[in-house]
Amino acid sequence: MQLEEVSRIIELMNTHGITEFELEENGVRVMLKKGSEGPVIHTVQAIPQPAAAAQPAATAAAPAAAPVSLPDNMVEVKAPFVGTFYRAPSPDSDPYVKEGQEVNQDTVLCIVEAMKVMNEIKAEVRGVIREIMVENAHPVQFGQPLFKIEKI
C-alpha cells in the first residue's frame, strides 16, 4: 500500500467521522485507529517462511495456530470480521445457543460487535452445536473458529 493511499484513507476517516479502519489485501494488513491524539497506523505484512521455521512461532501463538481437518459432517462457524464475541443479546439474557442444541440455517448463534455495530451470526447449516470455542465478551479475529456444528 502506498503512502498516498493511506493518506487518502485518513482523509476519508476524518471527513466521515470514522474512528477505526482495517484492510487486508495481498498479504498486507493495515489497521487505522483514530484516538484523541490523532490516527495510529499499524501495518503488518505477511512474509512466507519455511514450514520448519514457522512451527515454533505457530505453537507460541496458540489458538489459531494450525488448521485441523474436520470430519465431513462437522462445520466450523468462523468470525466474519474482527470484533467482540457475545453469546447473548444482553448481559442478563440467556445465551442464544448451548452445546448439544439443535440449530437450523436461520438460528442466531451469537453477536459479534464491530465498531459499535451488533452483527448477528447465524448457523447457516442444520445441525447440533458440538463446541462453543470462544468465551463470552472476548475479542475475536477474522476467520477465528467460533462454533463447531455437527450437520444433521
Foldseek 3Di string as FASTA:
>chain_A
DDPVVVVVVLVVCVVVVNAWDWDDDPQKIWIWGQDPVGIDIDIDGDDDDPPVVCVVVLVVVPDVRDDDDDPPQKDFDFDQAKFWKAQPPDPPDDGQDDAFDWFALARFRTWGADSNDTHTDGPNATFGWHDQDDDHGHIHHHGRTGTMGGHD
